[in-house]
PDB file of N, CA and C in Angstrom:
ATOM      1  N   MET A   1     111.739  63.230 107.314  1.00  0.00           N
ATOM      2  CA  MET A   1     111.275  63.794 105.974  1.00  0.00           C
ATOM      3  C   MET A   1     112.568  64.599 105.620  1.00  0.00           C
ATOM      4  N   LYS A   2     112.474  64.762 104.494  1.00  0.00           N
ATOM      5  CA  LYS A   2     113.815  65.194 103.799  1.00  0.00           C
ATOM      6  C   LYS A   2     113.113  66.640 102.780  1.00  0.00           C
ATOM      7  N   TYR A   3     113.275  67.715 103.149  1.00  0.00           N
ATOM      8  CA  TYR A   3     113.190  69.067 102.313  1.00  0.00           C
ATOM      9  C   TYR A   3     113.849  70.421 102.525  1.00  0.00           C
ATOM     10  N   ALA A   4     113.661  70.977 101.589  1.00  0.00           N
ATOM     11  CA  ALA A   4     114.628  71.930 101.086  1.00  0.00           C
ATOM     12  C   ALA A   4     113.974  73.259 101.191  1.00  0.00           C
ATOM     13  N   ILE A   5     114.667  74.722 101.732  1.00  0.00           N
ATOM     14  CA  ILE A   5     114.039  75.600 101.341  1.00  0.00           C
ATOM     15  C   ILE A   5     114.797  76.575 100.084  1.00  0.00           C
ATOM     16  N   ILE A   6     114.286  76.663  98.962  1.00  0.00           N
ATOM     17  CA  ILE A   6     114.923  77.016  97.879  1.00  0.00           C
ATOM     18  C   ILE A   6     114.682  78.283  97.371  1.00  0.00           C
ATOM     19  N   GLU A   7     115.620  79.014  96.556  1.00  0.00           N
ATOM     20  CA  GLU A   7     114.914  80.616  96.047  1.00  0.00           C
ATOM     21  C   GLU A   7     115.276  80.675  94.558  1.00  0.00           C
ATOM     22  N   THR A   8     114.088  81.213  94.324  1.00  0.00           N
ATOM     23  CA  THR A   8     114.197  81.669  92.484  1.00  0.00           C
ATOM     24  C   THR A   8     113.313  82.653  92.260  1.00  0.00           C
ATOM     25  N   GLY A   9     113.716  83.245  91.741  1.00  0.00           N
ATOM     26  CA  GLY A   9     113.116  84.675  91.201  1.00  0.00           C
ATOM     27  C   GLY A   9     112.568  85.673  92.498  1.00  0.00           C
ATOM     28  N   SER A  10     113.389  85.772  93.220  1.00  0.00           N
ATOM     29  CA  SER A  10     113.748  86.729  94.548  1.00  0.00           C
ATOM     30  C   SER A  10     112.157  86.099  95.541  1.00  0.00           C
ATOM     31  N   LYS A  11     112.081  84.767  95.409  1.00  0.00           N
ATOM     32  CA  LYS A  11     111.169  84.165  96.005  1.00  0.00           C
ATOM     33  C   LYS A  11     111.572  82.945  96.766  1.00  0.00           C
ATOM     34  N   GLN A  12     111.006  82.502  98.086  1.00  0.00           N
ATOM     35  CA  GLN A  12     111.843  81.309  98.528  1.00  0.00           C
ATOM     36  C   GLN A  12     110.524  80.443  98.447  1.00  0.00           C
ATOM     37  N   TYR A  13     110.785  79.021  98.722  1.00  0.00           N
ATOM     38  CA  TYR A  13     109.820  77.837  98.303  1.00  0.00           C
ATOM     39  C   TYR A  13     110.265  76.776  99.311  1.00  0.00           C
ATOM     40  N   ARG A  14     109.643  76.039  99.974  1.00  0.00           N
ATOM     41  CA  ARG A  14     109.801  74.685 100.371  1.00  0.00           C
ATOM     42  C   ARG A  14     109.390  73.715  99.784  1.00  0.00           C
ATOM     43  N   VAL A  15     110.619  72.633  99.419  1.00  0.00           N
ATOM     44  CA  VAL A  15     109.816  71.951  98.689  1.00  0.00           C
ATOM     45  C   VAL A  15     110.645  70.503  99.054  1.00  0.00           C
ATOM     46  N   SER A  16     109.844  69.443  98.948  1.00  0.00           N
ATOM     47  CA  SER A  16     110.257  68.106  98.972  1.00  0.00           C
ATOM     48  C   SER A  16     110.258  67.073  97.650  1.00  0.00           C
ATOM     49  N   GLU A  17     110.694  66.207  97.699  1.00  0.00           N
ATOM     50  CA  GLU A  17     111.034  64.923  96.324  1.00  0.00           C
ATOM     51  C   GLU A  17     109.565  65.028  95.879  1.00  0.00           C
ATOM     52  N   GLY A  18     109.281  65.405  94.561  1.00  0.00           N
ATOM     53  CA  GLY A  18     108.007  65.101  94.014  1.00  0.00           C
ATOM     54  C   GLY A  18     107.179  66.107  93.795  1.00  0.00           C
ATOM     55  N   ASP A  19     107.411  67.187  94.380  1.00  0.00           N
ATOM     56  CA  ASP A  19     106.644  68.432  94.537  1.00  0.00           C
ATOM     57  C   ASP A  19     106.549  69.150  93.344  1.00  0.00           C
ATOM     58  N   VAL A  20     105.185  69.511  93.037  1.00  0.00           N
ATOM     59  CA  VAL A  20     104.951  70.293  91.670  1.00  0.00           C
ATOM     60  C   VAL A  20     104.954  71.595  92.262  1.00  0.00           C
ATOM     61  N   ILE A  21     105.879  72.962  91.852  1.00  0.00           N
ATOM     62  CA  ILE A  21     105.349  74.105  92.163  1.00  0.00           C
ATOM     63  C   ILE A  21     105.685  75.127  91.092  1.00  0.00           C
ATOM     64  N   LEU A  22     104.761  76.231  90.796  1.00  0.00           N
ATOM     65  CA  LEU A  22     104.902  77.309  90.012  1.00  0.00           C
ATOM     66  C   LEU A  22     105.924  78.505  90.626  1.00  0.00           C
ATOM     67  N   VAL A  23     106.429  79.055  89.614  1.00  0.00           N
ATOM     68  CA  VAL A  23     107.715  79.631  89.832  1.00  0.00           C
ATOM     69  C   VAL A  23     107.711  81.061  88.913  1.00  0.00           C
ATOM     70  N   GLU A  24     108.263  82.044  89.169  1.00  0.00           N
ATOM     71  CA  GLU A  24     108.308  83.032  87.884  1.00  0.00           C
ATOM     72  C   GLU A  24     108.939  82.297  87.014  1.00  0.00           C
ATOM     73  N   LEU A  25     108.582  83.175  85.517  1.00  0.00           N
ATOM     74  CA  LEU A  25     108.950  82.639  84.352  1.00  0.00           C
ATOM     75  C   LEU A  25     110.679  82.521  84.228  1.00  0.00           C
ATOM     76  N   LEU A  26     111.257  81.195  83.754  1.00  0.00           N
ATOM     77  CA  LEU A  26     112.338  80.762  83.839  1.00  0.00           C
ATOM     78  C   LEU A  26     112.958  80.763  82.177  1.00  0.00           C
ATOM     79  N   GLU A  27     114.242  80.705  81.975  1.00  0.00           N
ATOM     80  CA  GLU A  27     114.417  80.729  80.198  1.00  0.00           C
ATOM     81  C   GLU A  27     113.856  79.079  79.572  1.00  0.00           C
ATOM     82  N   GLU A  28     113.437  79.706  78.569  1.00  0.00           N
ATOM     83  CA  GLU A  28     112.717  78.515  77.556  1.00  0.00           C
ATOM     84  C   GLU A  28     114.061  77.708  77.124  1.00  0.00           C
ATOM     85  N   GLY A  29     113.399  76.554  76.791  1.00  0.00           N
ATOM     86  CA  GLY A  29     113.966  75.391  76.071  1.00  0.00           C
ATOM     87  C   GLY A  29     114.990  74.549  77.093  1.00  0.00           C
ATOM     88  N   LYS A  30     115.009  74.862  78.482  1.00  0.00           N
ATOM     89  CA  LYS A  30     115.584  74.145  79.223  1.00  0.00           C
ATOM     90  C   LYS A  30     114.669  72.627  79.749  1.00  0.00           C
ATOM     91  N   LYS A  31     115.212  71.744  79.724  1.00  0.00           N
ATOM     92  CA  LYS A  31     114.219  70.530  80.375  1.00  0.00           C
ATOM     93  C   LYS A  31     114.466  70.303  81.769  1.00  0.00           C
ATOM     94  N   GLU A  32     115.739  71.006  82.474  1.00  0.00           N
ATOM     95  CA  GLU A  32     115.884  70.347  83.629  1.00  0.00           C
ATOM     96  C   GLU A  32     116.840  71.748  84.253  1.00  0.00           C
ATOM     97  N   VAL A  33     116.550  72.108  85.436  1.00  0.00           N
ATOM     98  CA  VAL A  33     117.201  73.015  85.999  1.00  0.00           C
ATOM     99  C   VAL A  33     117.481  72.784  87.388  1.00  0.00           C
ATOM    100  N   THR A  34     118.753  73.521  87.881  1.00  0.00           N
ATOM    101  CA  THR A  34     119.388  73.256  89.353  1.00  0.00           C
ATOM    102  C   THR A  34     119.087  74.570  89.748  1.00  0.00           C
ATOM    103  N   LEU A  35     118.887  74.101  91.267  1.00  0.00           N
ATOM    104  CA  LEU A  35     118.243  75.529  92.112  1.00  0.00           C
ATOM    105  C   LEU A  35     119.342  75.550  93.210  1.00  0.00           C
ATOM    106  N   ASP A  36     119.477  76.619  93.944  1.00  0.00           N
ATOM    107  CA  ASP A  36     120.208  76.563  95.047  1.00  0.00           C
ATOM    108  C   ASP A  36     119.640  76.491  96.376  1.00  0.00           C
ATOM    109  N   VAL A  37     120.217  76.163  97.184  1.00  0.00           N
ATOM    110  CA  VAL A  37     119.923  75.662  98.505  1.00  0.00           C
ATOM    111  C   VAL A  37     119.744  76.492  99.508  1.00  0.00           C
ATOM    112  N   LEU A  38     118.870  77.165 100.348  1.00  0.00           N
ATOM    113  CA  LEU A  38     119.122  78.112 101.341  1.00  0.00           C
ATOM    114  C   LEU A  38     119.295  77.448 102.677  1.00  0.00           C
ATOM    115  N   MET A  39     118.465  76.224 102.636  1.00  0.00           N
ATOM    116  CA  MET A  39     118.352  75.323 103.983  1.00  0.00           C
ATOM    117  C   MET A  39     117.959  73.845 103.697  1.00  0.00           C
ATOM    118  N   ALA A  40     118.433  72.530 104.032  1.00  0.00           N
ATOM    119  CA  ALA A  40     118.588  71.589 104.019  1.00  0.00           C
ATOM    120  C   ALA A  40     117.981  70.948 105.264  1.00  0.00           C
ATOM    121  N   VAL A  41     116.763  70.062 105.060  1.00  0.00           N
ATOM    122  CA  VAL A  41     116.654  69.299 106.554  1.00  0.00           C
ATOM    123  C   VAL A  41     116.474  67.805 105.722  1.00  0.00           C
ATOM    124  N   ASP A  42     117.062  66.964 106.444  1.00  0.00           N
ATOM    125  CA  ASP A  42     117.223  65.212 106.579  1.00  0.00           C
ATOM    126  C   ASP A  42     117.195  64.600 107.705  1.00  0.00           C
ATOM    127  N   GLY A  43     115.638  64.543 108.246  1.00  0.00           N
ATOM    128  CA  GLY A  43     115.665  63.585 109.682  1.00  0.00           C
ATOM    129  C   GLY A  43     115.964  64.682 110.614  1.00  0.00           C
ATOM    130  N   ASP A  44     116.774  64.544 111.280  1.00  0.00           N
ATOM    131  CA  ASP A  44     117.062  65.180 112.506  1.00  0.00           C
ATOM    132  C   ASP A  44     118.512  66.273 111.874  1.00  0.00           C
ATOM    133  N   THR A  45     118.930  65.846 110.973  1.00  0.00           N
ATOM    134  CA  THR A  45     120.009  66.803 110.162  1.00  0.00           C
ATOM    135  C   THR A  45     119.591  68.063 109.442  1.00  0.00           C
ATOM    136  N   VAL A  46     120.033  69.588 110.112  1.00  0.00           N
ATOM    137  CA  VAL A  46     119.606  70.697 109.182  1.00  0.00           C
ATOM    138  C   VAL A  46     120.828  71.321 108.898  1.00  0.00           C
ATOM    139  N   LYS A  47     120.784  71.894 107.633  1.00  0.00           N
ATOM    140  CA  LYS A  47     122.190  72.584 107.438  1.00  0.00           C
ATOM    141  C   LYS A  47     121.487  73.678 106.875  1.00  0.00           C
ATOM    142  N   ILE A  48     122.152  75.204 107.473  1.00  0.00           N
ATOM    143  CA  ILE A  48     121.647  76.175 107.155  1.00  0.00           C
ATOM    144  C   ILE A  48     122.942  76.991 106.172  1.00  0.00           C
ATOM    145  N   GLY A  49     122.473  77.663 105.040  1.00  0.00           N
ATOM    146  CA  GLY A  49     123.565  78.453 104.115  1.00  0.00           C
ATOM    147  C   GLY A  49     123.558  79.539 104.661  1.00  0.00           C
ATOM    148  N   GLN A  50     124.827  80.239 104.342  1.00  0.00           N
ATOM    149  CA  GLN A  50     125.296  81.554 104.409  1.00  0.00           C
ATOM    150  C   GLN A  50     125.605  82.072 102.891  1.00  0.00           C
ATOM    151  N   PRO A  51     125.064  82.456 101.857  1.00  0.00           N
ATOM    152  CA  PRO A  51     123.607  82.348 101.862  1.00  0.00           C
ATOM    153  C   PRO A  51     123.118  81.251 101.479  1.00  0.00           C
ATOM    154  N   THR A  52     123.939  80.165 100.634  1.00  0.00           N
ATOM    155  CA  THR A  52     123.534  78.930 100.102  1.00  0.00           C
ATOM    156  C   THR A  52     124.232  77.945 100.907  1.00  0.00           C
ATOM    157  N   VAL A  53     123.643  76.842 101.208  1.00  0.00           N
ATOM    158  CA  VAL A  53     124.382  75.584 101.256  1.00  0.00           C
ATOM    159  C   VAL A  53     125.366  74.980 100.327  1.00  0.00           C
ATOM    160  N   ALA A  54     126.691  75.151 100.763  1.00  0.00           N
ATOM    161  CA  ALA A  54     127.735  74.553  99.779  1.00  0.00           C
ATOM    162  C   ALA A  54     127.390  72.826  99.869  1.00  0.00           C
ATOM    163  N   GLY A  55     127.476  72.455  98.432  1.00  0.00           N
ATOM    164  CA  GLY A  55     127.479  71.090  97.912  1.00  0.00           C
ATOM    165  C   GLY A  55     126.175  70.542  98.173  1.00  0.00           C
ATOM    166  N   CYS A  56     124.928  71.519  98.265  1.00  0.00           N
ATOM    167  CA  CYS A  56     123.578  70.912  98.218  1.00  0.00           C
ATOM    168  C   CYS A  56     123.013  71.235  97.233  1.00  0.00           C
ATOM    169  N   SER A  57     122.322  70.724  96.282  1.00  0.00           N
ATOM    170  CA  SER A  57     121.308  71.255  95.083  1.00  0.00           C
ATOM    171  C   SER A  57     120.085  70.714  94.980  1.00  0.00           C
ATOM    172  N   VAL A  58     119.310  71.581  94.239  1.00  0.00           N
ATOM    173  CA  VAL A  58     117.920  70.511  94.232  1.00  0.00           C
ATOM    174  C   VAL A  58     117.704  70.636  92.526  1.00  0.00           C
ATOM    175  N   THR A  59     117.521  69.408  91.881  1.00  0.00           N
ATOM    176  CA  THR A  59     117.185  69.255  90.569  1.00  0.00           C
ATOM    177  C   THR A  59     115.838  69.211  90.258  1.00  0.00           C
ATOM    178  N   ALA A  60     115.327  69.794  89.386  1.00  0.00           N
ATOM    179  CA  ALA A  60     113.883  70.124  89.057  1.00  0.00           C
ATOM    180  C   ALA A  60     113.706  69.712  87.529  1.00  0.00           C
ATOM    181  N   GLN A  61     112.756  69.221  86.983  1.00  0.00           N
ATOM    182  CA  GLN A  61     112.314  68.641  85.543  1.00  0.00           C
ATOM    183  C   GLN A  61     111.216  70.034  85.235  1.00  0.00           C
ATOM    184  N   VAL A  62     111.766  70.765  84.518  1.00  0.00           N
ATOM    185  CA  VAL A  62     110.628  71.744  84.068  1.00  0.00           C
ATOM    186  C   VAL A  62     109.440  71.043  82.829  1.00  0.00           C
ATOM    187  N   LEU A  63     108.066  70.889  83.299  1.00  0.00           N
ATOM    188  CA  LEU A  63     106.746  70.881  82.627  1.00  0.00           C
ATOM    189  C   LEU A  63     106.277  71.540  81.888  1.00  0.00           C
ATOM    190  N   GLY A  64     106.613  73.310  81.777  1.00  0.00           N
ATOM    191  CA  GLY A  64     106.105  73.898  81.030  1.00  0.00           C
ATOM    192  C   GLY A  64     105.832  75.098  81.273  1.00  0.00           C
ATOM    193  N   ASP A  65     105.123  75.938  80.755  1.00  0.00           N
ATOM    194  CA  ASP A  65     104.866  77.216  80.974  1.00  0.00           C
ATOM    195  C   ASP A  65     103.671  77.707  81.176  1.00  0.00           C
ATOM    196  N   GLU A  66     102.965  78.346  82.296  1.00  0.00           N
ATOM    197  CA  GLU A  66     101.557  78.583  82.432  1.00  0.00           C
ATOM    198  C   GLU A  66     101.541  80.091  82.675  1.00  0.00           C
ATOM    199  N   LYS A  67     100.147  80.355  82.411  1.00  0.00           N
ATOM    200  CA  LYS A  67      99.477  81.872  83.076  1.00  0.00           C
ATOM    201  C   LYS A  67      98.989  81.812  84.047  1.00  0.00           C
ATOM    202  N   GLY A  68      99.195  83.021  85.051  1.00  0.00           N
ATOM    203  CA  GLY A  68      98.153  82.741  85.912  1.00  0.00           C
ATOM    204  C   GLY A  68      96.337  83.139  85.999  1.00  0.00           C
ATOM    205  N   GLU A  69      96.219  83.649  86.937  1.00  0.00           N
ATOM    206  CA  GLU A  69      94.550  84.212  87.238  1.00  0.00           C
ATOM    207  C   GLU A  69      94.769  85.553  86.591  1.00  0.00           C
ATOM    208  N   LYS A  70      93.955  85.893  85.583  1.00  0.00           N
ATOM    209  CA  LYS A  70      93.474  87.320  85.027  1.00  0.00           C
ATOM    210  C   LYS A  70      93.332  88.129  86.673  1.00  0.00           C
ATOM    211  N   ILE A  71      94.107  89.425  86.559  1.00  0.00           N
ATOM    212  CA  ILE A  71      93.757  90.186  87.364  1.00  0.00           C
ATOM    213  C   ILE A  71      93.558  91.696  86.604  1.00  0.00           C
ATOM    214  N   ARG A  72      92.152  92.097  87.192  1.00  0.00           N
ATOM    215  CA  ARG A  72      91.661  93.389  86.265  1.00  0.00           C
ATOM    216  C   ARG A  72      91.688  94.500  87.269  1.00  0.00           C
ATOM    217  N   GLY A  73      91.873  95.587  86.595  1.00  0.00           N
ATOM    218  CA  GLY A  73      92.318  96.922  87.388  1.00  0.00           C
ATOM    219  C   GLY A  73      91.505  97.929  86.560  1.00  0.00           C
ATOM    220  N   LEU A  74      91.315  99.091  87.628  1.00  0.00           N
ATOM    221  CA  LEU A  74      90.527 100.176  86.905  1.00  0.00           C
ATOM    222  C   LEU A  74      91.524 101.798  87.309  1.00  0.00           C
ATOM    223  N   ARG A  75      91.455 102.428  86.200  1.00  0.00           N
ATOM    224  CA  ARG A  75      92.223 103.711  86.521  1.00  0.00           C
ATOM    225  C   ARG A  75      91.093 104.885  86.571  1.00  0.00           C
ATOM    226  N   TYR A  76      91.089 105.367  87.159  1.00  0.00           N
ATOM    227  CA  TYR A  76      90.091 106.702  87.140  1.00  0.00           C
ATOM    228  C   TYR A  76      90.283 107.997  87.944  1.00  0.00           C
ATOM    229  N   LEU A  77      90.561 108.738  87.097  1.00  0.00           N
ATOM    230  CA  LEU A  77      90.928 110.379  87.481  1.00  0.00           C
ATOM    231  C   LEU A  77      89.384 110.820  87.345  1.00  0.00           C
ATOM    232  N   LYS A  78      89.061 111.707  88.379  1.00  0.00           N
ATOM    233  CA  LYS A  78      87.726 111.798  88.734  1.00  0.00           C
ATOM    234  C   LYS A  78      87.445 113.345  88.323  1.00  0.00           C
ATOM    235  N   TRP A  79      88.395 113.939  88.067  1.00  0.00           N
ATOM    236  CA  TRP A  79      88.173 115.489  87.735  1.00  0.00           C
ATOM    237  C   TRP A  79      88.049 115.246  85.948  1.00  0.00           C
ATOM    238  N   GLU A  80      88.654 114.513  85.332  1.00  0.00           N
ATOM    239  CA  GLU A  80      88.715 114.202  84.019  1.00  0.00           C
ATOM    240  C   GLU A  80      87.640 113.481  83.634  1.00  0.00           C
ATOM    241  N   GLY A  81      87.186 112.601  84.091  1.00  0.00           N
ATOM    242  CA  GLY A  81      85.734 111.819  83.987  1.00  0.00           C
ATOM    243  C   GLY A  81      86.892 110.777  83.133  1.00  0.00           C
ATOM    244  N   GLN A  82      88.236 110.539  82.869  1.00  0.00           N
ATOM    245  CA  GLN A  82      88.797 109.406  82.724  1.00  0.00           C
ATOM    246  C   GLN A  82      88.770 108.098  83.166  1.00  0.00           C
ATOM    247  N   ARG A  83      88.420 107.100  82.415  1.00  0.00           N
ATOM    248  CA  ARG A  83      88.342 105.691  83.163  1.00  0.00           C
ATOM    249  C   ARG A  83      89.189 105.183  82.001  1.00  0.00           C
ATOM    250  N   LYS A  84      90.081 104.051  82.882  1.00  0.00           N
ATOM    251  CA  LYS A  84      91.018 103.080  81.632  1.00  0.00           C
ATOM    252  C   LYS A  84      90.803 101.696  82.512  1.00  0.00           C
ATOM    253  N   ARG A  85      90.428 100.721  81.747  1.00  0.00           N
ATOM    254  CA  ARG A  85      90.618  99.326  82.164  1.00  0.00           C
ATOM    255  C   ARG A  85      91.948  98.802  82.220  1.00  0.00           C
ATOM    256  N   TYR A  86      92.409  97.895  82.852  1.00  0.00           N
ATOM    257  CA  TYR A  86      93.449  97.093  82.296  1.00  0.00           C
ATOM    258  C   TYR A  86      93.610  95.647  83.027  1.00  0.00           C
ATOM    259  N   GLY A  87      94.019  94.664  82.302  1.00  0.00           N
ATOM    260  CA  GLY A  87      94.107  93.451  82.831  1.00  0.00           C
ATOM    261  C   GLY A  87      95.483  92.848  82.858  1.00  0.00           C
ATOM    262  N   HIS A  88      96.091  92.016  83.420  1.00  0.00           N
ATOM    263  CA  HIS A  88      97.489  91.588  83.489  1.00  0.00           C
ATOM    264  C   HIS A  88      97.095  89.679  84.055  1.00  0.00           C
ATOM    265  N   ARG A  89      98.169  89.003  83.279  1.00  0.00           N
ATOM    266  CA  ARG A  89      98.183  87.787  83.379  1.00  0.00           C
ATOM    267  C   ARG A  89      99.707  87.212  83.748  1.00  0.00           C
ATOM    268  N   GLN A  90     100.066  87.028  84.687  1.00  0.00           N
ATOM    269  CA  GLN A  90     101.566  86.649  85.174  1.00  0.00           C
ATOM    270  C   GLN A  90     101.826  85.303  84.505  1.00  0.00           C
ATOM    271  N   SER A  91     103.244  85.170  83.879  1.00  0.00           N
ATOM    272  CA  SER A  91     103.976  84.124  83.380  1.00  0.00           C
ATOM    273  C   SER A  91     104.271  83.449  84.450  1.00  0.00           C
ATOM    274  N   HIS A  92     103.970  81.874  84.565  1.00  0.00           N
ATOM    275  CA  HIS A  92     104.837  81.059  85.428  1.00  0.00           C
ATOM    276  C   HIS A  92     105.627  79.897  85.006  1.00  0.00           C
ATOM    277  N   THR A  93     106.641  79.155  85.206  1.00  0.00           N
ATOM    278  CA  THR A  93     107.360  77.871  84.969  1.00  0.00           C
ATOM    279  C   THR A  93     106.650  76.802  85.861  1.00  0.00           C
ATOM    280  N   LYS A  94     106.151  75.790  85.540  1.00  0.00           N
ATOM    281  CA  LYS A  94     105.682  74.708  86.587  1.00  0.00           C
ATOM    282  C   LYS A  94     106.710  73.628  86.727  1.00  0.00           C
ATOM    283  N   LEU A  95     107.529  73.253  87.613  1.00  0.00           N
ATOM    284  CA  LEU A  95     108.605  72.608  88.216  1.00  0.00           C
ATOM    285  C   LEU A  95     108.305  71.162  88.764  1.00  0.00           C
ATOM    286  N   LYS A  96     108.902  70.434  88.482  1.00  0.00           N
ATOM    287  CA  LYS A  96     108.507  69.083  89.189  1.00  0.00           C
ATOM    288  C   LYS A  96     110.047  68.892  89.920  1.00  0.00           C
ATOM    289  N   ILE A  97     110.205  68.659  91.439  1.00  0.00           N
ATOM    290  CA  ILE A  97     111.207  68.661  92.103  1.00  0.00           C
ATOM    291  C   ILE A  97     111.509  66.925  91.769  1.00  0.00           C
ATOM    292  N   GLU A  98     112.763  66.595  91.320  1.00  0.00           N
ATOM    293  CA  GLU A  98     113.151  65.581  91.104  1.00  0.00           C
ATOM    294  C   GLU A  98     113.907  64.950  92.180  1.00  0.00           C
ATOM    295  N   LYS A  99     115.128  65.909  92.651  1.00  0.00           N
ATOM    296  CA  LYS A  99     116.005  65.048  93.737  1.00  0.00           C
ATOM    297  C   LYS A  99     116.502  66.511  94.518  1.00  0.00           C
ATOM    298  N   ILE A 100     116.648  65.998  95.558  1.00  0.00           N
ATOM    299  CA  ILE A 100     117.109  66.856  96.583  1.00  0.00           C
ATOM    300  C   ILE A 100     118.548  66.175  97.011  1.00  0.00           C
ATOM    301  N   SER A 101     119.652  66.874  96.663  1.00  0.00           N
ATOM    302  CA  SER A 101     121.172  66.199  97.066  1.00  0.00           C
ATOM    303  C   SER A 101     121.934  66.880  98.005  1.00  0.00           C
ATOM    304  N   LEU A 102     122.351  66.222  99.186  1.00  0.00           N
ATOM    305  CA  LEU A 102     122.985  67.205 100.164  1.00  0.00           C
ATOM    306  C   LEU A 102     124.290  66.449 100.636  1.00  0.00           C
TER     307      LEU A 102
END
């Protein structure tokens, strides 16, 4: 089985060809991105980078941008009787892994 460990947005993901993943928001207008590989596995062959594997890359197609689930919070100061509600939705980019080149 062929898979790779990639890094994008200071997070690491384990991906195989054909996977669809959500990553932190990338630049708009790109149809395809190339990601750095930290570790690549192809059957019994394992390549570990220092910090990235030279000559290896992962090509992914950008499927679009999405928003995550709504996170609701409440700030409360008991002495002042102050209450403030807030919400947040994180933006993500949806990627489809097209090719892992070793």
